Structures are given as C-alpha cells and as structure tokens.
Amino acid sequence: MALTVCLLGGESTGKSTLAEALHRHLTERHGMAVSLVPEHLRDWCSRQGRAPHAHEQAALADEQARLIGLAQGRDGIELVLADTSALMVATYSELYFNDTSLHARALELQRQYDLTLLMGLDLPWVADGLFRDSPSVREATDRVLRRELQRGGIAFQAIYGQGADRLHAALRIIGHRLGKALAPETSARPIRAANWSCERCSDPDCEHRLFSRLLVPGTRS
C-alpha cells in the first residue's frame, strides 16, 4: 500500500501549492511514483460557479475520500499526496452551516492516512476574487481542524516557512517516515520530535516558535 500524505489547511495557506511542489520534487528529483489527488471541493466550486449548499456537503466529502482511495489502489504507486480530505469538507460544513454530523466519518477516514500535514498560518492571506472569505475564516478553519484532529487522536505536523523552506519542511517529515533523505542537504536538519500537542497550539506564533526549536539540534521546548 502506498504511503498516504494528506495536506490540510484553511484558505490561502498554500496547501495546493505545496502539494504540487512536493509532487514535482518527488517525481523529478527522486523518480518516485506519486499520485496527486486534487481538492474535489475546489474543482466542484469552479465548475458550478458557486459554493455548495448544506445538503451537498456529504457527497463532496465522500467523493474526496473516493478519489484518495482510488489513488491508493493504483498499481505501482509509492506515495499518494492528497490535497485535503473529507475532514476539510466537514470543517466547512460546521463553519458555514453549523453542521457537525460529518466529523465522525471524516475522522475515521483521516486515521487511515499515514501522515497529516497541517499548513501553518504564516503565509499572507490573499483574496482570489472567488471563494476565499477572510483571514478570520482561515483562522476559524485552523481552530476547527486542530480541535478535531486532537479529539480524534490523530497525530499531525504543522508546516511553516516561505517558498522552498516550506517545501523542505514537508520533505523532511515525509523523508523521515520513509527513511530517505528527500530534502536538499543544505536544508536537512534532524527531526527530534515529529509530533507534539500543546494546549495553545491554535496560536500559530507559539507553535511556530516550538516548531523552530524542535528542528534545531540541542534545544528543548
């Protein structure tokens, strides 16, 4: 079974950009067979020209899970990169429709993925003129995602950094899991602790400091 890496994060957190960069790096630099699963919700909104209604949320979540499952079952695939999961749809369902009914199934699915990477909030929020609402919605999405992941006992790693630094942070985590050096040597630093929990981890500045310290040899949180 292919290693499945799922990227989560609110609007304008760079998850799609990172997913595409990871796909290029792993296929072109390392010759890996990688399947990139796009965000079904975004494609659906683009085709329909609108955001989904409450009664359409469950089907969107199911389709995202189905697409990930198809990628996992393809012959010869070493790694599946999922640009979001059903948990993102469940989160939006809660935020926009006050409906938490999709969380249980979404968490059940999320537990089946090998790595969950949560995008940090250190990138500037940029409007897309279509479906992005505001920085406050991005922050609310982050809070719900963290709450649900912690409630479900699902380990996750937060990804910070600008440009190549963000890519290399994700590569170090994936490489650590695979036992391979995937990030360039100049950026490689030992990962002393891949998972942590903190009562204030919804504070991105607090978490960013902790993440930086964990990646520097000889420091403690």
C-alpha atoms as a PDB file:
ATOM      1  CA  MET A   1       0.000   0.000   0.000  1.00  0.00           C
ATOM      2  CA  ALA A   2       1.294   3.442  -0.924  1.00  0.00           C
ATOM      3  CA  LEU A   3       2.223   5.889   1.816  1.00  0.00           C
ATOM      4  CA  THR A   4      -0.606   8.429   2.017  1.00  0.00           C
ATOM      5  CA  VAL A   5       0.204  12.024   2.902  1.00  0.00           C
ATOM      6  CA  CYS A   6      -2.765  14.340   3.466  1.00  0.00           C
ATOM      7  CA  LEU A   7      -2.453  18.135   3.429  1.00  0.00           C
ATOM      8  CA  LEU A   8      -4.948  20.165   5.436  1.00  0.00           C
ATOM      9  CA  GLY A   9      -5.388  23.887   5.944  1.00  0.00           C
ATOM     10  CA  GLY A  10      -7.749  26.772   5.504  1.00  0.00           C
ATOM     11  CA  GLU A  11      -7.981  29.057   2.526  1.00  0.00           C
ATOM     12  CA  SER A  12      -4.766  30.736   1.377  1.00  0.00           C
ATOM     13  CA  THR A  13      -2.472  28.525   3.455  1.00  0.00           C
ATOM     14  CA  GLY A  14      -0.568  27.172   0.457  1.00  0.00           C
ATOM     15  CA  LYS A  15      -1.657  23.540   0.624  1.00  0.00           C
ATOM     16  CA  SER A  16      -2.322  23.163  -3.109  1.00  0.00           C
ATOM     17  CA  THR A  17       0.921  24.953  -3.987  1.00  0.00           C
ATOM     18  CA  LEU A  18       2.813  22.705  -1.589  1.00  0.00           C
ATOM     19  CA  ALA A  19       1.116  19.552  -2.876  1.00  0.00           C
ATOM     20  CA  GLU A  20       2.130  20.405  -6.445  1.00  0.00           C
ATOM     21  CA  ALA A  21       5.694  21.275  -5.386  1.00  0.00           C
ATOM     22  CA  LEU A  22       6.012  18.008  -3.479  1.00  0.00           C
ATOM     23  CA  HIS A  23       4.732  16.091  -6.487  1.00  0.00           C
ATOM     24  CA  ARG A  24       7.272  17.728  -8.811  1.00  0.00           C
ATOM     25  CA  HIS A  25      10.175  17.265  -6.410  1.00  0.00           C
ATOM     26  CA  LEU A  26       9.458  13.628  -5.587  1.00  0.00           C
ATOM     27  CA  THR A  27       8.835  12.589  -9.194  1.00  0.00           C
ATOM     28  CA  GLU A  28      11.554  14.631 -10.914  1.00  0.00           C
ATOM     29  CA  ARG A  29      14.310  14.598  -8.288  1.00  0.00           C
ATOM     30  CA  HIS A  30      13.732  11.175  -6.736  1.00  0.00           C
ATOM     31  CA  GLY A  31      11.952   9.258  -9.502  1.00  0.00           C
ATOM     32  CA  MET A  32       9.126   8.210  -7.197  1.00  0.00           C
ATOM     33  CA  ALA A  33       5.733   7.080  -8.464  1.00  0.00           C
ATOM     34  CA  VAL A  34       3.482   9.671  -6.833  1.00  0.00           C
ATOM     35  CA  SER A  35      -0.256  10.195  -7.306  1.00  0.00           C
ATOM     36  CA  LEU A  36      -1.527  13.714  -6.608  1.00  0.00           C
ATOM     37  CA  VAL A  37      -5.197  13.867  -5.606  1.00  0.00           C
ATOM     38  CA  PRO A  38      -6.611  17.378  -6.143  1.00  0.00           C
ATOM     39  CA  GLU A  39      -9.140  19.089  -3.918  1.00  0.00           C
ATOM     40  CA  HIS A  40     -12.531  17.970  -5.208  1.00  0.00           C
ATOM     41  CA  LEU A  41     -14.344  20.825  -3.448  1.00  0.00           C
ATOM     42  CA  ARG A  42     -12.346  23.453  -5.325  1.00  0.00           C
ATOM     43  CA  ASP A  43     -12.948  21.744  -8.668  1.00  0.00           C
ATOM     44  CA  TRP A  44     -16.649  21.427  -7.896  1.00  0.00           C
ATOM     45  CA  CYS A  45     -16.948  25.127  -6.983  1.00  0.00           C
ATOM     46  CA  SER A  46     -15.138  26.132 -10.174  1.00  0.00           C
ATOM     47  CA  ARG A  47     -17.459  24.025 -12.325  1.00  0.00           C
ATOM     48  CA  GLN A  48     -20.638  25.142 -10.569  1.00  0.00           C
ATOM     49  CA  GLY A  49     -19.591  28.760 -10.148  1.00  0.00           C
ATOM     50  CA  ARG A  50     -20.785  28.789  -6.549  1.00  0.00           C
ATOM     51  CA  ALA A  51     -20.175  27.401  -3.084  1.00  0.00           C
ATOM     52  CA  PRO A  52     -22.049  24.211  -2.148  1.00  0.00           C
ATOM     53  CA  HIS A  53     -25.244  24.145  -0.127  1.00  0.00           C
ATOM     54  CA  ALA A  54     -25.608  22.301   3.152  1.00  0.00           C
ATOM     55  CA  HIS A  55     -27.252  19.246   1.617  1.00  0.00           C
ATOM     56  CA  GLU A  56     -24.387  18.862  -0.875  1.00  0.00           C
ATOM     57  CA  GLN A  57     -21.609  18.640   1.701  1.00  0.00           C
ATOM     58  CA  ALA A  58     -21.777  14.914   2.454  1.00  0.00           C
ATOM     59  CA  ALA A  59     -21.459  13.944  -1.205  1.00  0.00           C
ATOM     60  CA  LEU A  60     -18.440  16.225  -1.597  1.00  0.00           C
ATOM     61  CA  ALA A  61     -16.740  14.620   1.394  1.00  0.00           C
ATOM     62  CA  ASP A  62     -17.491  11.134   0.082  1.00  0.00           C
ATOM     63  CA  GLU A  63     -16.101  11.970  -3.350  1.00  0.00           C
ATOM     64  CA  GLN A  64     -12.851  13.327  -1.899  1.00  0.00           C
ATOM     65  CA  ALA A  65     -12.443  10.093   0.075  1.00  0.00           C
ATOM     66  CA  ARG A  66     -13.249   8.021  -3.017  1.00  0.00           C
ATOM     67  CA  LEU A  67     -10.603   9.803  -5.089  1.00  0.00           C
ATOM     68  CA  ILE A  68      -7.974   9.210  -2.408  1.00  0.00           C
ATOM     69  CA  GLY A  69      -8.968   5.556  -2.225  1.00  0.00           C
ATOM     70  CA  LEU A  70      -8.629   5.170  -5.981  1.00  0.00           C
ATOM     71  CA  ALA A  71      -5.122   6.639  -5.880  1.00  0.00           C
ATOM     72  CA  GLN A  72      -4.156   4.329  -3.016  1.00  0.00           C
ATOM     73  CA  GLY A  73      -5.232   1.304  -5.035  1.00  0.00           C
ATOM     74  CA  ARG A  74      -3.318   2.102  -8.223  1.00  0.00           C
ATOM     75  CA  ASP A  75      -0.596  -0.366  -9.122  1.00  0.00           C
ATOM     76  CA  GLY A  76       2.967   0.832  -8.735  1.00  0.00           C
ATOM     77  CA  ILE A  77       2.158   3.975  -6.767  1.00  0.00           C
ATOM     78  CA  GLU A  78       4.638   4.587  -3.950  1.00  0.00           C
ATOM     79  CA  LEU A  79       3.107   7.703  -2.427  1.00  0.00           C
ATOM     80  CA  VAL A  80      -0.293   9.401  -2.522  1.00  0.00           C
ATOM     81  CA  LEU A  81      -0.444  13.169  -1.979  1.00  0.00           C
ATOM     82  CA  ALA A  82      -3.961  14.209  -1.036  1.00  0.00           C
ATOM     83  CA  ASP A  83      -4.689  17.917  -1.371  1.00  0.00           C
ATOM     84  CA  THR A  84      -7.201  17.905   1.510  1.00  0.00           C
ATOM     85  CA  SER A  85      -9.549  15.190   2.723  1.00  0.00           C
ATOM     86  CA  ALA A  86     -13.125  14.728   3.857  1.00  0.00           C
ATOM     87  CA  LEU A  87     -12.144  16.477   7.089  1.00  0.00           C
ATOM     88  CA  MET A  88     -11.855  19.776   5.232  1.00  0.00           C
ATOM     89  CA  VAL A  89     -15.424  19.429   3.956  1.00  0.00           C
ATOM     90  CA  ALA A  90     -16.619  18.513   7.442  1.00  0.00           C
ATOM     91  CA  THR A  91     -14.878  21.590   8.821  1.00  0.00           C
ATOM     92  CA  TYR A  92     -16.510  23.901   6.295  1.00  0.00           C
ATOM     93  CA  SER A  93     -19.853  22.245   6.971  1.00  0.00           C
ATOM     94  CA  GLU A  94     -19.531  23.182  10.621  1.00  0.00           C
ATOM     95  CA  LEU A  95     -18.330  26.723   9.979  1.00  0.00           C
ATOM     96  CA  TYR A  96     -20.874  27.655   7.327  1.00  0.00           C
ATOM     97  CA  PHE A  97     -23.897  25.522   8.250  1.00  0.00           C
ATOM     98  CA  ASN A  98     -23.358  24.717  11.934  1.00  0.00           C
ATOM     99  CA  ASP A  99     -23.468  21.030  10.961  1.00  0.00           C
ATOM    100  CA  THR A 100     -21.046  18.741  12.788  1.00  0.00           C
ATOM    101  CA  SER A 101     -22.544  15.484  11.519  1.00  0.00           C
ATOM    102  CA  LEU A 102     -19.725  14.860   9.021  1.00  0.00           C
ATOM    103  CA  HIS A 103     -16.886  14.905  11.542  1.00  0.00           C
ATOM    104  CA  ALA A 104     -17.138  11.319  12.795  1.00  0.00           C
ATOM    105  CA  ARG A 105     -16.822   9.754   9.352  1.00  0.00           C
ATOM    106  CA  ALA A 106     -14.146  12.252   8.307  1.00  0.00           C
ATOM    107  CA  LEU A 107     -12.014  11.392  11.341  1.00  0.00           C
ATOM    108  CA  GLU A 108     -12.450   7.687  10.670  1.00  0.00           C
ATOM    109  CA  LEU A 109     -11.077   8.226   7.176  1.00  0.00           C
ATOM    110  CA  GLN A 110      -8.290  10.523   8.360  1.00  0.00           C
ATOM    111  CA  ARG A 111      -6.962   7.802  10.676  1.00  0.00           C
ATOM    112  CA  GLN A 112      -6.318   5.654   7.617  1.00  0.00           C
ATOM    113  CA  TYR A 113      -3.800   8.135   6.191  1.00  0.00           C
ATOM    114  CA  ASP A 114      -0.149   7.771   7.157  1.00  0.00           C
ATOM    115  CA  LEU A 115       0.795  11.428   7.556  1.00  0.00           C
ATOM    116  CA  THR A 116      -1.319  14.520   8.140  1.00  0.00           C
ATOM    117  CA  LEU A 117       0.384  17.831   7.368  1.00  0.00           C
ATOM    118  CA  LEU A 118      -1.386  20.941   8.624  1.00  0.00           C
ATOM    119  CA  MET A 119      -0.493  24.218   6.942  1.00  0.00           C
ATOM    120  CA  GLY A 120       0.660  26.967   9.282  1.00  0.00           C
ATOM    121  CA  LEU A 121      -0.837  30.461   9.144  1.00  0.00           C
ATOM    122  CA  ASP A 122       2.440  32.239   8.428  1.00  0.00           C
ATOM    123  CA  LEU A 123       1.637  32.910   4.760  1.00  0.00           C
ATOM    124  CA  PRO A 124      -0.179  36.165   3.920  1.00  0.00           C
ATOM    125  CA  TRP A 125      -3.874  35.826   3.202  1.00  0.00           C
ATOM    126  CA  VAL A 126      -4.599  36.593  -0.465  1.00  0.00           C
ATOM    127  CA  ALA A 127      -8.087  37.023  -1.923  1.00  0.00           C
ATOM    128  CA  ASP A 128      -8.840  35.013  -5.050  1.00  0.00           C
ATOM    129  CA  GLY A 129     -11.906  37.019  -6.116  1.00  0.00           C
ATOM    130  CA  LEU A 130     -13.994  33.854  -5.971  1.00  0.00           C
ATOM    131  CA  PHE A 131     -14.457  31.745  -2.840  1.00  0.00           C
ATOM    132  CA  ARG A 132     -11.953  32.911  -0.230  1.00  0.00           C
ATOM    133  CA  ASP A 133     -13.721  34.842   2.515  1.00  0.00           C
ATOM    134  CA  SER A 134     -11.313  36.431   5.000  1.00  0.00           C
ATOM    135  CA  PRO A 135      -8.345  35.865   7.312  1.00  0.00           C
ATOM    136  CA  SER A 136     -10.804  35.322  10.175  1.00  0.00           C
ATOM    137  CA  VAL A 137     -12.384  32.397   8.323  1.00  0.00           C
ATOM    138  CA  ARG A 138      -8.926  30.957   7.704  1.00  0.00           C
ATOM    139  CA  GLU A 139      -8.167  31.177  11.430  1.00  0.00           C
ATOM    140  CA  ALA A 140     -11.509  29.625  12.354  1.00  0.00           C
ATOM    141  CA  THR A 141     -10.839  26.769   9.935  1.00  0.00           C
ATOM    142  CA  ASP A 142      -7.451  26.197  11.549  1.00  0.00           C
ATOM    143  CA  ARG A 143      -9.031  26.046  15.014  1.00  0.00           C
ATOM    144  CA  VAL A 144     -11.642  23.504  13.980  1.00  0.00           C
ATOM    145  CA  LEU A 145      -9.097  21.314  12.191  1.00  0.00           C
ATOM    146  CA  ARG A 146      -6.807  21.261  15.223  1.00  0.00           C
ATOM    147  CA  ARG A 147      -9.667  20.557  17.588  1.00  0.00           C
ATOM    148  CA  GLU A 148     -10.957  17.654  15.531  1.00  0.00           C
ATOM    149  CA  LEU A 149      -7.538  16.122  14.916  1.00  0.00           C
ATOM    150  CA  GLN A 150      -6.774  16.252  18.608  1.00  0.00           C
ATOM    151  CA  ARG A 151     -10.221  14.981  19.540  1.00  0.00           C
ATOM    152  CA  GLY A 152      -9.745  12.077  17.137  1.00  0.00           C
ATOM    153  CA  GLY A 153      -6.280  11.285  18.477  1.00  0.00           C
ATOM    154  CA  ILE A 154      -4.738  11.868  15.043  1.00  0.00           C
ATOM    155  CA  ALA A 155      -1.098  12.948  15.012  1.00  0.00           C
ATOM    156  CA  PHE A 156      -0.269  15.844  12.713  1.00  0.00           C
ATOM    157  CA  GLN A 157       2.694  18.013  11.812  1.00  0.00           C
ATOM    158  CA  ALA A 158       2.417  21.742  11.207  1.00  0.00           C
ATOM    159  CA  ILE A 159       4.272  23.060   8.165  1.00  0.00           C
ATOM    160  CA  TYR A 160       5.747  26.553   8.216  1.00  0.00           C
ATOM    161  CA  GLY A 161       8.092  28.535   6.014  1.00  0.00           C
ATOM    162  CA  GLN A 162       8.131  30.618   2.866  1.00  0.00           C
ATOM    163  CA  GLY A 163       8.762  29.165  -0.591  1.00  0.00           C
ATOM    164  CA  ALA A 164      11.421  26.470  -0.640  1.00  0.00           C
ATOM    165  CA  ASP A 165      11.611  26.413   3.153  1.00  0.00           C
ATOM    166  CA  ARG A 166       8.011  25.226   3.313  1.00  0.00           C
ATOM    167  CA  LEU A 167       8.696  22.524   0.736  1.00  0.00           C
ATOM    168  CA  HIS A 168      11.819  21.354   2.552  1.00  0.00           C
ATOM    169  CA  ALA A 169       9.997  21.202   5.888  1.00  0.00           C
ATOM    170  CA  ALA A 170       7.426  18.846   4.369  1.00  0.00           C
ATOM    171  CA  LEU A 171      10.104  16.815   2.601  1.00  0.00           C
ATOM    172  CA  ARG A 172      11.996  16.279   5.851  1.00  0.00           C
ATOM    173  CA  ILE A 173       8.877  14.889   7.520  1.00  0.00           C
ATOM    174  CA  ILE A 174       7.984  12.611   4.604  1.00  0.00           C
ATOM    175  CA  GLY A 175      11.586  11.502   4.264  1.00  0.00           C
ATOM    176  CA  HIS A 176      11.773  10.746   7.979  1.00  0.00           C
ATOM    177  CA  ARG A 177       8.775   8.441   7.607  1.00  0.00           C
ATOM    178  CA  LEU A 178      10.230   6.733   4.529  1.00  0.00           C
ATOM    179  CA  GLY A 179      13.775   6.558   5.879  1.00  0.00           C
ATOM    180  CA  LYS A 180      15.056   8.606   2.941  1.00  0.00           C
ATOM    181  CA  ALA A 181      16.817  11.931   2.565  1.00  0.00           C
ATOM    182  CA  LEU A 182      14.353  13.823   0.389  1.00  0.00           C
ATOM    183  CA  ALA A 183      15.199  17.433   1.198  1.00  0.00           C
ATOM    184  CA  PRO A 184      18.355  19.088  -0.162  1.00  0.00           C
ATOM    185  CA  GLU A 185      21.359  18.568   2.070  1.00  0.00           C
ATOM    186  CA  THR A 186      21.677  22.277   2.749  1.00  0.00           C
ATOM    187  CA  SER A 187      18.250  22.292   4.395  1.00  0.00           C
ATOM    188  CA  ALA A 188      18.430  18.927   6.123  1.00  0.00           C
ATOM    189  CA  ARG A 189      18.174  19.155   9.891  1.00  0.00           C
ATOM    190  CA  PRO A 190      17.351  16.305  12.249  1.00  0.00           C
ATOM    191  CA  ILE A 191      13.760  15.850  13.305  1.00  0.00           C
ATOM    192  CA  ARG A 192      13.876  15.199  17.023  1.00  0.00           C
ATOM    193  CA  ALA A 193      10.141  15.210  17.553  1.00  0.00           C
ATOM    194  CA  ALA A 194       7.665  14.723  14.732  1.00  0.00           C
ATOM    195  CA  ASN A 195       4.501  15.048  16.823  1.00  0.00           C
ATOM    196  CA  TRP A 196       3.515  17.200  19.759  1.00  0.00           C
ATOM    197  CA  SER A 197       0.464  18.594  21.431  1.00  0.00           C
ATOM    198  CA  CYS A 198       0.078  21.891  23.186  1.00  0.00           C
ATOM    199  CA  GLU A 199      -2.901  23.459  24.886  1.00  0.00           C
ATOM    200  CA  ARG A 200      -2.149  26.684  22.991  1.00  0.00           C
ATOM    201  CA  CYS A 201      -1.311  25.094  19.655  1.00  0.00           C
ATOM    202  CA  SER A 202      -4.068  27.110  17.988  1.00  0.00           C
ATOM    203  CA  ASP A 203      -1.731  30.080  18.481  1.00  0.00           C
ATOM    204  CA  PRO A 204       0.357  29.949  15.272  1.00  0.00           C
ATOM    205  CA  ASP A 205       3.119  32.160  16.664  1.00  0.00           C
ATOM    206  CA  CYS A 206       3.501  29.921  19.716  1.00  0.00           C
ATOM    207  CA  GLU A 207       3.568  26.813  17.565  1.00  0.00           C
ATOM    208  CA  HIS A 208       5.977  28.348  15.079  1.00  0.00           C
ATOM    209  CA  ARG A 209       8.496  29.005  17.842  1.00  0.00           C
ATOM    210  CA  LEU A 210       8.101  25.462  19.120  1.00  0.00           C
ATOM    211  CA  PHE A 211       8.462  24.000  15.625  1.00  0.00           C
ATOM    212  CA  SER A 212      11.643  26.001  15.017  1.00  0.00           C
ATOM    213  CA  ARG A 213      13.165  24.858  18.294  1.00  0.00           C
ATOM    214  CA  LEU A 214      12.401  21.223  17.584  1.00  0.00           C
ATOM    215  CA  LEU A 215      14.333  21.421  14.333  1.00  0.00           C
ATOM    216  CA  VAL A 216      17.455  22.939  15.906  1.00  0.00           C
ATOM    217  CA  PRO A 217      19.838  20.408  17.490  1.00  0.00           C
ATOM    218  CA  GLY A 218      20.417  20.748  21.204  1.00  0.00           C
ATOM    219  CA  THR A 219      17.290  22.776  22.027  1.00  0.00           C
ATOM    220  CA  ARG A 220      14.297  21.874  24.137  1.00  0.00           C
ATOM    221  CA  SER A 221      10.753  23.138  24.254  1.00  0.00           C
END
